[in-house]
C-alpha atoms as a PDB file:
ATOM      1  CA  MET A   1     -13.172   6.937  13.222  1.00  0.00           C
ATOM      2  CA  LYS A   2     -13.939   5.733   8.675  1.00  0.00           C
ATOM      3  CA  ALA A   3     -10.586   4.027   7.902  1.00  0.00           C
ATOM      4  CA  VAL A   4      -9.838   3.096   3.602  1.00  0.00           C
ATOM      5  CA  ILE A   5      -7.224   0.795   2.416  1.00  0.00           C
ATOM      6  CA  ASP A   6      -6.113   1.207  -1.526  1.00  0.00           C
ATOM      7  CA  ILE A   7      -4.789  -2.168  -3.001  1.00  0.00           C
ATOM      8  CA  GLY A   8      -4.117   0.379  -6.243  1.00  0.00           C
ATOM      9  CA  SER A   9      -1.363  -1.981  -8.546  1.00  0.00           C
ATOM     10  CA  ASN A  10       1.863  -0.161  -7.326  1.00  0.00           C
ATOM     11  CA  SER A  11       0.681   0.998  -3.559  1.00  0.00           C
ATOM     12  CA  VAL A  12      -1.359   0.078  -0.832  1.00  0.00           C
ATOM     13  CA  ARG A  13      -2.661   2.952   1.298  1.00  0.00           C
ATOM     14  CA  LEU A  14      -4.573   3.397   4.766  1.00  0.00           C
ATOM     15  CA  MET A  15      -6.624   6.228   4.658  1.00  0.00           C
ATOM     16  CA  LEU A  16      -7.497   7.489   8.604  1.00  0.00           C
ATOM     17  CA  LYS A  17     -10.882  10.092   8.798  1.00  0.00           C
ATOM     18  CA  GLU A  18     -12.130  11.482  12.346  1.00  0.00           C
ATOM     19  CA  GLY A  19     -14.251  14.581  10.806  1.00  0.00           C
ATOM     20  CA  SER A  20     -11.883  17.319   8.752  1.00  0.00           C
ATOM     21  CA  SER A  21      -8.604  14.862   9.700  1.00  0.00           C
ATOM     22  CA  VAL A  22      -7.048  13.055   6.982  1.00  0.00           C
ATOM     23  CA  ARG A  23      -4.450  10.673   7.835  1.00  0.00           C
ATOM     24  CA  LYS A  24      -2.460   8.699   4.644  1.00  0.00           C
ATOM     25  CA  THR A  25      -0.096   5.791   5.192  1.00  0.00           C
ATOM     26  CA  LEU A  26       1.910   4.366   1.808  1.00  0.00           C
ATOM     27  CA  GLU A  27       3.548   1.381   1.661  1.00  0.00           C
ATOM     28  CA  THR A  28       5.198   0.238  -2.529  1.00  0.00           C
ATOM     29  CA  THR A  29       4.212  -3.035  -2.988  1.00  0.00           C
ATOM     30  CA  ARG A  30       3.721  -3.240  -6.838  1.00  0.00           C
ATOM     31  CA  LEU A  31       1.135  -5.330  -7.044  1.00  0.00           C
ATOM     32  CA  SER A  32       0.689  -5.689 -10.795  1.00  0.00           C
ATOM     33  CA  GLN A  33       4.325  -6.488 -11.169  1.00  0.00           C
ATOM     34  CA  GLY A  34       4.730  -9.262 -14.164  1.00  0.00           C
ATOM     35  CA  LEU A  35       0.339  -8.871 -14.979  1.00  0.00           C
ATOM     36  CA  ASP A  36       0.993  -8.235 -18.381  1.00  0.00           C
ATOM     37  CA  GLY A  37       2.830 -10.508 -19.586  1.00  0.00           C
ATOM     38  CA  SER A  38       1.247 -13.947 -17.732  1.00  0.00           C
ATOM     39  CA  GLY A  39      -2.075 -12.329 -16.702  1.00  0.00           C
ATOM     40  CA  LYS A  40      -1.341 -13.414 -12.908  1.00  0.00           C
ATOM     41  CA  LEU A  41      -0.333 -11.831  -9.874  1.00  0.00           C
ATOM     42  CA  LEU A  42       3.014 -13.264  -9.138  1.00  0.00           C
ATOM     43  CA  PRO A  43       2.375 -15.442  -6.080  1.00  0.00           C
ATOM     44  CA  GLU A  44       6.042 -13.267  -4.068  1.00  0.00           C
ATOM     45  CA  ALA A  45       4.067  -9.772  -5.282  1.00  0.00           C
ATOM     46  CA  MET A  46       0.605 -10.883  -3.753  1.00  0.00           C
ATOM     47  CA  GLU A  47       2.700 -11.946  -0.217  1.00  0.00           C
ATOM     48  CA  ARG A  48       4.198  -8.762   0.278  1.00  0.00           C
ATOM     49  CA  THR A  49       0.496  -6.668  -0.293  1.00  0.00           C
ATOM     50  CA  ALA A  50      -0.931  -9.507   1.877  1.00  0.00           C
ATOM     51  CA  ARG A  51       1.381  -8.192   4.427  1.00  0.00           C
ATOM     52  CA  ALA A  52       0.917  -4.373   4.057  1.00  0.00           C
ATOM     53  CA  ILE A  53      -3.215  -5.018   3.699  1.00  0.00           C
ATOM     54  CA  ALA A  54      -3.111  -7.225   7.630  1.00  0.00           C
ATOM     55  CA  ASP A  55      -0.950  -4.613   8.692  1.00  0.00           C
ATOM     56  CA  PHE A  56      -2.527  -2.091   7.551  1.00  0.00           C
ATOM     57  CA  VAL A  57      -5.988  -4.241   9.234  1.00  0.00           C
ATOM     58  CA  ARG A  58      -4.454  -3.805  12.325  1.00  0.00           C
ATOM     59  CA  GLN A  59      -4.067  -0.401  13.097  1.00  0.00           C
ATOM     60  CA  ALA A  60      -7.174   0.626  11.192  1.00  0.00           C
ATOM     61  CA  ARG A  61      -9.230  -1.709  13.655  1.00  0.00           C
ATOM     62  CA  GLU A  62      -6.251  -0.745  16.693  1.00  0.00           C
ATOM     63  CA  ALA A  63      -7.688   2.520  16.034  1.00  0.00           C
ATOM     64  CA  GLY A  64     -11.338   1.961  16.283  1.00  0.00           C
ATOM     65  CA  ALA A  65     -12.472   1.584  12.673  1.00  0.00           C
ATOM     66  CA  ASP A  66     -13.649  -1.101  10.663  1.00  0.00           C
ATOM     67  CA  PRO A  67     -11.839  -0.433   7.395  1.00  0.00           C
ATOM     68  CA  LEU A  68     -12.815  -0.909   4.118  1.00  0.00           C
ATOM     69  CA  LEU A  69     -10.951  -2.703   1.532  1.00  0.00           C
ATOM     70  CA  PHE A  70     -11.186  -2.524  -2.136  1.00  0.00           C
ATOM     71  CA  ALA A  71      -8.732  -3.139  -5.607  1.00  0.00           C
ATOM     72  CA  THR A  72      -8.691  -1.590  -7.982  1.00  0.00           C
ATOM     73  CA  GLU A  73      -6.975  -2.770 -12.189  1.00  0.00           C
ATOM     74  CA  ALA A  74      -5.328  -5.452 -11.105  1.00  0.00           C
ATOM     75  CA  VAL A  75      -7.262  -7.646  -9.233  1.00  0.00           C
ATOM     76  CA  ARG A  76      -9.422  -6.785 -11.831  1.00  0.00           C
ATOM     77  CA  LYS A  77      -7.621  -8.094 -14.594  1.00  0.00           C
ATOM     78  CA  ALA A  78      -6.036 -10.907 -13.039  1.00  0.00           C
ATOM     79  CA  GLU A  79      -6.763 -14.694 -13.538  1.00  0.00           C
ATOM     80  CA  ASN A  80      -6.108 -15.237  -9.909  1.00  0.00           C
ATOM     81  CA  GLY A  81      -7.407 -12.230  -8.345  1.00  0.00           C
ATOM     82  CA  GLY A  82      -9.860 -14.509  -6.972  1.00  0.00           C
ATOM     83  CA  ASP A  83      -7.785 -15.873  -5.094  1.00  0.00           C
ATOM     84  CA  PHE A  84      -5.907 -12.947  -3.889  1.00  0.00           C
ATOM     85  CA  CYS A  85      -9.038 -11.643  -1.854  1.00  0.00           C
ATOM     86  CA  GLU A  86      -9.643 -15.222  -0.496  1.00  0.00           C
ATOM     87  CA  LEU A  87      -5.840 -14.973   0.572  1.00  0.00           C
ATOM     88  CA  VAL A  88      -6.907 -11.331   1.889  1.00  0.00           C
ATOM     89  CA  ARG A  89      -9.696 -12.402   3.757  1.00  0.00           C
ATOM     90  CA  ALA A  90      -8.222 -15.209   5.345  1.00  0.00           C
ATOM     91  CA  ARG A  91      -5.158 -13.127   7.090  1.00  0.00           C
ATOM     92  CA  THR A  92      -7.544 -10.708   7.927  1.00  0.00           C
ATOM     93  CA  GLY A  93     -11.526 -11.796   8.021  1.00  0.00           C
ATOM     94  CA  ALA A  94     -11.778  -8.768   5.606  1.00  0.00           C
ATOM     95  CA  ARG A  95     -13.749  -8.488   2.768  1.00  0.00           C
ATOM     96  CA  ILE A  96     -12.383  -7.239  -1.068  1.00  0.00           C
ATOM     97  CA  GLU A  97     -14.313  -4.709  -2.966  1.00  0.00           C
ATOM     98  CA  VAL A  98     -13.286  -5.042  -6.810  1.00  0.00           C
ATOM     99  CA  LEU A  99     -14.091  -2.168  -8.826  1.00  0.00           C
ATOM    100  CA  THR A 100     -15.513  -1.667 -11.919  1.00  0.00           C
ATOM    101  CA  GLY A 101     -13.281   0.535 -14.711  1.00  0.00           C
ATOM    102  CA  GLU A 102     -15.858   2.643 -14.665  1.00  0.00           C
ATOM    103  CA  GLN A 103     -16.504   2.498 -10.790  1.00  0.00           C
ATOM    104  CA  GLU A 104     -12.646   3.396 -10.422  1.00  0.00           C
ATOM    105  CA  ALA A 105     -12.948   6.461 -13.081  1.00  0.00           C
ATOM    106  CA  LEU A 106     -15.856   8.029 -10.236  1.00  0.00           C
ATOM    107  CA  CYS A 107     -13.768   6.756  -6.946  1.00  0.00           C
ATOM    108  CA  GLY A 108     -11.353   9.880  -8.129  1.00  0.00           C
ATOM    109  CA  TYR A 109     -13.479  11.890  -9.962  1.00  0.00           C
ATOM    110  CA  LEU A 110     -15.118  11.819  -6.346  1.00  0.00           C
ATOM    111  CA  GLY A 111     -12.135  12.692  -3.769  1.00  0.00           C
ATOM    112  CA  GLY A 112     -11.354  15.494  -5.983  1.00  0.00           C
ATOM    113  CA  ALA A 113     -13.437  17.422  -7.307  1.00  0.00           C
ATOM    114  CA  ALA A 114     -15.004  17.165  -3.505  1.00  0.00           C
ATOM    115  CA  ALA A 115     -12.026  19.662  -2.532  1.00  0.00           C
ATOM    116  CA  PHE A 116     -12.742  21.800  -5.066  1.00  0.00           C
ATOM    117  CA  SER A 117     -14.705  24.935  -5.255  1.00  0.00           C
ATOM    118  CA  ASP A 118     -15.541  24.513  -9.865  1.00  0.00           C
ATOM    119  CA  ALA A 119     -16.300  21.061  -9.783  1.00  0.00           C
ATOM    120  CA  GLU A 120     -18.772  21.350 -12.546  1.00  0.00           C
ATOM    121  CA  GLY A 121     -15.837  22.469 -14.816  1.00  0.00           C
ATOM    122  CA  LEU A 122     -13.308  19.354 -13.695  1.00  0.00           C
ATOM    123  CA  CYS A 123     -12.271  16.491 -15.716  1.00  0.00           C
ATOM    124  CA  THR A 124      -9.931  14.092 -14.166  1.00  0.00           C
ATOM    125  CA  VAL A 125      -7.274  12.160 -14.626  1.00  0.00           C
ATOM    126  CA  ASP A 126      -5.987   9.199 -12.179  1.00  0.00           C
ATOM    127  CA  ILE A 127      -2.758   7.573 -13.408  1.00  0.00           C
ATOM    128  CA  GLY A 128      -1.749   4.446 -11.484  1.00  0.00           C
ATOM    129  CA  GLY A 129      -0.101   1.036 -11.230  1.00  0.00           C
ATOM    130  CA  ALA A 130      -1.708  -0.543 -14.259  1.00  0.00           C
ATOM    131  CA  SER A 131      -4.324   1.472 -14.961  1.00  0.00           C
ATOM    132  CA  THR A 132      -5.679   5.794 -15.860  1.00  0.00           C
ATOM    133  CA  GLU A 133      -8.753   6.872 -15.583  1.00  0.00           C
ATOM    134  CA  LEU A 134     -10.933  10.273 -16.861  1.00  0.00           C
ATOM    135  CA  THR A 135     -13.678  11.287 -16.144  1.00  0.00           C
ATOM    136  CA  SER A 136     -15.733  14.873 -16.858  1.00  0.00           C
ATOM    137  CA  ARG A 137     -19.712  15.624 -15.458  1.00  0.00           C
ATOM    138  CA  ARG A 138     -21.769  17.314 -16.521  1.00  0.00           C
ATOM    139  CA  SER A 139     -25.003  19.740 -14.300  1.00  0.00           C
ATOM    140  CA  GLY A 140     -23.988  17.561 -11.248  1.00  0.00           C
ATOM    141  CA  ARG A 141     -23.009  13.850 -13.110  1.00  0.00           C
ATOM    142  CA  PRO A 142     -20.550  12.335 -14.742  1.00  0.00           C
ATOM    143  CA  VAL A 143     -20.669  11.935 -18.102  1.00  0.00           C
ATOM    144  CA  PHE A 144     -17.862  10.896 -19.455  1.00  0.00           C
ATOM    145  CA  LEU A 145     -15.905   7.771 -17.619  1.00  0.00           C
ATOM    146  CA  THR A 146     -13.298   5.458 -18.840  1.00  0.00           C
ATOM    147  CA  SER A 147     -10.046   3.082 -17.603  1.00  0.00           C
ATOM    148  CA  LEU A 148      -7.098   2.703 -20.267  1.00  0.00           C
ATOM    149  CA  PRO A 149      -4.779   0.441 -19.280  1.00  0.00           C
ATOM    150  CA  LEU A 150      -1.722   2.513 -18.613  1.00  0.00           C
ATOM    151  CA  GLY A 151      -0.391   2.631 -15.625  1.00  0.00           C
ATOM    152  CA  VAL A 152       3.206   3.267 -14.518  1.00  0.00           C
ATOM    153  CA  VAL A 153       4.217  -0.172 -12.847  1.00  0.00           C
ATOM    154  CA  ARG A 154       2.161  -1.119 -17.051  1.00  0.00           C
ATOM    155  CA  LEU A 155       4.635   0.873 -18.529  1.00  0.00           C
ATOM    156  CA  ALA A 156       7.563  -0.195 -17.097  1.00  0.00           C
ATOM    157  CA  ASP A 157       7.032  -3.709 -16.994  1.00  0.00           C
ATOM    158  CA  ALA A 158       6.109  -3.224 -21.058  1.00  0.00           C
ATOM    159  CA  CYS A 159       8.809  -0.569 -21.852  1.00  0.00           C
ATOM    160  CA  GLY A 160      11.468  -0.271 -18.915  1.00  0.00           C
ATOM    161  CA  ARG A 161      13.436   2.920 -19.375  1.00  0.00           C
ATOM    162  CA  ASP A 162      12.757   3.153 -22.711  1.00  0.00           C
ATOM    163  CA  ARG A 163      11.085   6.358 -23.656  1.00  0.00           C
ATOM    164  CA  LYS A 164      10.376   6.292 -27.738  1.00  0.00           C
ATOM    165  CA  ARG A 165       8.990   2.157 -26.422  1.00  0.00           C
ATOM    166  CA  THR A 166       7.072   3.701 -23.686  1.00  0.00           C
ATOM    167  CA  GLU A 167       5.882   6.929 -25.809  1.00  0.00           C
ATOM    168  CA  ALA A 168       4.516   5.142 -28.038  1.00  0.00           C
ATOM    169  CA  ARG A 169       2.173   2.841 -26.224  1.00  0.00           C
ATOM    170  CA  ILE A 170       0.855   5.858 -24.798  1.00  0.00           C
ATOM    171  CA  ALA A 171      -0.125   7.132 -28.103  1.00  0.00           C
ATOM    172  CA  ASP A 172      -1.384   3.657 -29.072  1.00  0.00           C
ATOM    173  CA  GLU A 173      -3.919   4.035 -25.828  1.00  0.00           C
ATOM    174  CA  LEU A 174      -4.930   7.342 -26.124  1.00  0.00           C
ATOM    175  CA  ALA A 175      -5.012   6.594 -29.888  1.00  0.00           C
ATOM    176  CA  ARG A 176      -8.271   4.311 -29.305  1.00  0.00           C
ATOM    177  CA  CYS A 177      -9.942   6.921 -26.425  1.00  0.00           C
ATOM    178  CA  GLU A 178     -13.266   7.457 -27.119  1.00  0.00           C
ATOM    179  CA  LYS A 179     -13.186  11.896 -27.222  1.00  0.00           C
ATOM    180  CA  VAL A 180     -13.327  13.454 -23.613  1.00  0.00           C
ATOM    181  CA  PRO A 181     -16.018  15.953 -23.529  1.00  0.00           C
ATOM    182  CA  PRO A 182     -14.268  19.930 -22.773  1.00  0.00           C
ATOM    183  CA  ALA A 183     -14.087  21.292 -19.290  1.00  0.00           C
ATOM    184  CA  ALA A 184     -12.658  23.703 -17.730  1.00  0.00           C
ATOM    185  CA  ARG A 185      -9.565  22.717 -15.865  1.00  0.00           C
ATOM    186  CA  LEU A 186      -7.528  19.341 -15.738  1.00  0.00           C
ATOM    187  CA  LEU A 187      -7.324  17.525 -11.573  1.00  0.00           C
ATOM    188  CA  ALA A 188      -4.898  15.297 -11.485  1.00  0.00           C
ATOM    189  CA  VAL A 189      -5.298  12.641  -8.636  1.00  0.00           C
ATOM    190  CA  GLY A 190      -2.822   9.964  -7.521  1.00  0.00           C
ATOM    191  CA  GLY A 191       1.052   9.496  -6.414  1.00  0.00           C
ATOM    192  CA  THR A 192       2.611   9.873 -10.135  1.00  0.00           C
ATOM    193  CA  ALA A 193       0.738  12.981  -9.953  1.00  0.00           C
ATOM    194  CA  THR A 194       1.491  14.100  -5.798  1.00  0.00           C
ATOM    195  CA  THR A 195       5.018  12.787  -6.637  1.00  0.00           C
ATOM    196  CA  LEU A 196       5.651  14.761  -9.446  1.00  0.00           C
ATOM    197  CA  ALA A 197       4.208  17.764  -7.861  1.00  0.00           C
ATOM    198  CA  ALA A 198       6.577  17.259  -4.455  1.00  0.00           C
ATOM    199  CA  VAL A 199       9.498  16.567  -6.646  1.00  0.00           C
ATOM    200  CA  ASP A 200       8.478  20.143  -9.449  1.00  0.00           C
ATOM    201  CA  LEU A 201       8.261  22.063  -5.857  1.00  0.00           C
ATOM    202  CA  ALA A 202      11.571  20.132  -4.244  1.00  0.00           C
ATOM    203  CA  LEU A 203       9.808  19.366  -0.795  1.00  0.00           C
ATOM    204  CA  PRO A 204      12.750  18.655   1.242  1.00  0.00           C
ATOM    205  CA  VAL A 205       9.833  16.411   3.294  1.00  0.00           C
ATOM    206  CA  TYR A 206       6.970  15.613   1.978  1.00  0.00           C
ATOM    207  CA  ASP A 207       3.713  18.766   2.724  1.00  0.00           C
ATOM    208  CA  PRO A 208       0.735  18.160   1.106  1.00  0.00           C
ATOM    209  CA  LYS A 209      -0.474  21.479   1.755  1.00  0.00           C
ATOM    210  CA  ARG A 210       1.696  22.852  -0.840  1.00  0.00           C
ATOM    211  CA  VAL A 211       1.530  20.285  -3.144  1.00  0.00           C
ATOM    212  CA  HIS A 212      -2.730  20.069  -2.571  1.00  0.00           C
ATOM    213  CA  GLY A 213      -3.623  22.413  -5.766  1.00  0.00           C
ATOM    214  CA  HIS A 214      -0.382  23.005  -7.605  1.00  0.00           C
ATOM    215  CA  PHE A 215      -0.719  23.270 -10.994  1.00  0.00           C
ATOM    216  CA  LEU A 216       1.748  21.339 -13.511  1.00  0.00           C
ATOM    217  CA  SER A 217       1.780  22.972 -17.048  1.00  0.00           C
ATOM    218  CA  LEU A 218       2.668  20.382 -19.743  1.00  0.00           C
ATOM    219  CA  LEU A 219       5.803  22.603 -20.532  1.00  0.00           C
ATOM    220  CA  ALA A 220       6.913  21.603 -17.002  1.00  0.00           C
ATOM    221  CA  LEU A 221       5.543  17.960 -17.157  1.00  0.00           C
ATOM    222  CA  LYS A 222       7.147  17.444 -20.629  1.00  0.00           C
ATOM    223  CA  ALA A 223      10.405  19.082 -18.842  1.00  0.00           C
ATOM    224  CA  TRP A 224      10.373  16.388 -16.627  1.00  0.00           C
ATOM    225  CA  ALA A 225      10.044  13.897 -18.469  1.00  0.00           C
ATOM    226  CA  ASP A 226      12.849  14.796 -20.575  1.00  0.00           C
ATOM    227  CA  ARG A 227      14.963  14.919 -17.620  1.00  0.00           C
ATOM    228  CA  LEU A 228      13.342  11.803 -15.409  1.00  0.00           C
ATOM    229  CA  PHE A 229      13.900   9.779 -18.803  1.00  0.00           C
ATOM    230  CA  SER A 230      17.790  11.094 -19.094  1.00  0.00           C
ATOM    231  CA  LEU A 231      19.015  10.055 -15.743  1.00  0.00           C
ATOM    232  CA  GLU A 232      20.260   6.826 -13.531  1.00  0.00           C
ATOM    233  CA  ILE A 233      17.744   5.376 -10.722  1.00  0.00           C
ATOM    234  CA  GLY A 234      20.040   6.576  -7.760  1.00  0.00           C
ATOM    235  CA  ASP A 235      20.424  10.230  -8.844  1.00  0.00           C
ATOM    236  CA  ILE A 236      16.241  10.263  -9.215  1.00  0.00           C
ATOM    237  CA  ARG A 237      15.662   8.479  -6.190  1.00  0.00           C
ATOM    238  CA  ALA A 238      18.086  11.417  -4.636  1.00  0.00           C
ATOM    239  CA  LEU A 239      15.766  14.339  -5.893  1.00  0.00           C
ATOM    240  CA  PRO A 240      13.760  16.376  -3.404  1.00  0.00           C
ATOM    241  CA  GLY A 241      10.937  15.122  -3.056  1.00  0.00           C
ATOM    242  CA  MET A 242      11.328  11.767  -4.910  1.00  0.00           C
ATOM    243  CA  GLU A 243       8.737   8.800  -3.198  1.00  0.00           C
ATOM    244  CA  PRO A 244      12.263   6.385  -3.255  1.00  0.00           C
ATOM    245  CA  LYS A 245      10.087   3.405  -4.150  1.00  0.00           C
ATOM    246  CA  ARG A 246       9.102   5.475  -6.972  1.00  0.00           C
ATOM    247  CA  ALA A 247      11.855   6.319  -8.482  1.00  0.00           C
ATOM    248  CA  ASP A 248      12.113   3.962 -11.724  1.00  0.00           C
ATOM    249  CA  VAL A 249       8.409   4.150 -12.552  1.00  0.00           C
ATOM    250  CA  ILE A 250       7.893   7.967 -12.540  1.00  0.00           C
ATOM    251  CA  ALA A 251       9.885   8.573 -15.880  1.00  0.00           C
ATOM    252  CA  GLY A 252       7.078   7.113 -17.638  1.00  0.00           C
ATOM    253  CA  GLY A 253       4.059   8.140 -15.236  1.00  0.00           C
ATOM    254  CA  ALA A 254       5.610  11.932 -16.236  1.00  0.00           C
ATOM    255  CA  ALA A 255       5.430  10.865 -19.632  1.00  0.00           C
ATOM    256  CA  LEU A 256       2.308   9.729 -19.460  1.00  0.00           C
ATOM    257  CA  LEU A 257       0.831  12.578 -17.178  1.00  0.00           C
ATOM    258  CA  ALA A 258       2.087  14.938 -20.349  1.00  0.00           C
ATOM    259  CA  ALA A 259       0.701  12.458 -23.068  1.00  0.00           C
ATOM    260  CA  VAL A 260      -3.336  12.885 -20.771  1.00  0.00           C
ATOM    261  CA  THR A 261      -3.063  16.449 -20.759  1.00  0.00           C
ATOM    262  CA  GLU A 262      -1.762  17.500 -24.103  1.00  0.00           C
ATOM    263  CA  PHE A 263      -4.035  14.854 -25.312  1.00  0.00           C
ATOM    264  CA  LEU A 264      -7.398  16.760 -23.944  1.00  0.00           C
ATOM    265  CA  GLY A 265      -6.078  20.046 -25.115  1.00  0.00           C
ATOM    266  CA  PHE A 266      -4.703  21.366 -21.431  1.00  0.00           C
ATOM    267  CA  GLU A 267      -2.678  23.545 -20.471  1.00  0.00           C
ATOM    268  CA  GLY A 268      -1.652  21.884 -17.200  1.00  0.00           C
ATOM    269  CA  CYS A 269      -2.907  20.344 -14.095  1.00  0.00           C
ATOM    270  CA  THR A 270      -4.024  20.404 -11.061  1.00  0.00           C
ATOM    271  CA  VAL A 271      -3.395  18.421  -8.620  1.00  0.00           C
ATOM    272  CA  SER A 272      -5.128  16.884  -6.200  1.00  0.00           C
ATOM    273  CA  GLU A 273      -4.405  15.498  -2.811  1.00  0.00           C
ATOM    274  CA  SER A 274      -7.738  14.315  -2.382  1.00  0.00           C
ATOM    275  CA  ASP A 275      -8.130  11.022  -4.311  1.00  0.00           C
ATOM    276  CA  ASN A 276     -10.618   7.979  -4.743  1.00  0.00           C
ATOM    277  CA  MET A 277      -9.894   6.824  -1.146  1.00  0.00           C
ATOM    278  CA  GLU A 278     -12.093  10.424  -0.208  1.00  0.00           C
ATOM    279  CA  GLY A 279     -14.026   9.488  -2.946  1.00  0.00           C
ATOM    280  CA  PHE A 280     -15.127   5.556  -2.387  1.00  0.00           C
ATOM    281  CA  LEU A 281     -16.501   7.347   1.472  1.00  0.00           C
ATOM    282  CA  LEU A 282     -18.763   9.357  -1.132  1.00  0.00           C
ATOM    283  CA  LEU A 283     -19.692   6.522  -3.127  1.00  0.00           C
ATOM    284  CA  LYS A 284     -20.516   4.531   0.131  1.00  0.00           C
ATOM    285  CA  GLY A 285     -22.525   7.555   1.236  1.00  0.00           C
ATOM    286  CA  LEU A 286     -20.260   7.763   3.963  1.00  0.00           C
END
């Protein structure tokens, strides 16, 4: 049994993997809430995230696994990221590995590409709470890895649900992005992509087998951005397939995924259920 805990900027996730059997559990804790304004993780965000991690560590150990923990942009960027890691270590005895932006991008790519046979021609996009990673590969190795300071929580903190401000912020960051080498297909990993796939499929109950491999056209992404920005939060929460705690940030996520897809010159993206947690194990040679 292998266990991985992903400490993201929007949510904490646990993956238990034994052979080909994979089980994932998620708790939305918004660790990066308020980070852009203060440069620090808020005490209440640290506390609720540490509680979620402690519960996941307990579950992993009860399942017979010693969990591997990794953190991404929120902990990487925060002035008090080290304090948060110490808080978790004191609560659980577990050490957090804080990934660099390039390592985070590589994990998303490795996890996503492992689930598809045409990995050589893939570009991956991983939209998180505080950052978005883009990766492209040639001749068996990544040739482009970047982490952009764009994520659904960061956008919501900075722009609320103001569509013009959201899209202007996205356009500014993408304009500073290096040119990504061309690829045959765009693969989208992470909670924004899987949630949009579930909503696009109108799933009454989340079904990873149906989400995995679902194609979201650029036209569909733009249409979902239009609709999500026009709806009240309660109405978004009621949509079939919607993860309730993601309802207040998903409009910005749809706009971001649409903008990245268009920026890279693709007609749409294929959604992957396999992501940076599987990729982290591969990075570790496990």
